[in-house]
Amino acid sequence: MARSIKVRISSEALEERLANLWPRSNAAMRLALQESADMVRDYAKKHHRFKSRSGKLEKSVISSVRMNSDTGKATVRLDRRIARYSNIVHEGAKPHFIFPRKARALHFFWERIGRWVLFDSVHHPGQEADPFLREAAEAVQPNVDDIFRRHLNMLVRGSRSTRSRQLARAKRIASRRGR
């Protein structure tokens, strides 16, 4: 015996439901972007090949989120105000000469020979790149997909407790950033 199923969709109810989702979707998108950017930032701080001496390079890895009316953008970058040399470590450097700028000679402690030296110029052999930000983004990509999937599911299910937690977290993040 063939059975038939009737499905009745009220377009007014559907439109109302979608209209209710729209304001919350921006908050959910912001939370997912922030969580993803923080995950990339934290991974990059822990997984790199450079030898950390002062910790400034790790501190220079920062994340931020910008939201427009319908789009969002998460950025993880190196802050050159914290570590001026961060781009050189990340991108590498070709062999080059270093000359003094404000003095007549370069004066520095040469660890290999264990004493202070003076030179008119030095030849820097270059430095291999350590693209730890790119590697961090690639490493956590599957987790980022899961984060967005989870936030989208919470948005669609839309329990009141989930919504209030999302909004409270978004407010905490915004207040921490001074916005």
Foldseek 3Di string as FASTA:
>chain_A
DDDDDDDDDDVVVVVVLVVVLLVLVQLLVQVLLVVLLVQLLVQLLVDWDDDDDPSLQNVQFDKDKDDDSPDIDIDTDGHCVSPVCNCCQAQKFAKDKAADDPDQWDWDQDVVVGGIDTHRMDIDRITDHINSSVVSCVVCVVVSVVSSVVSVVCSSVPDPVSSVVSVVVSVVVCVVVPD
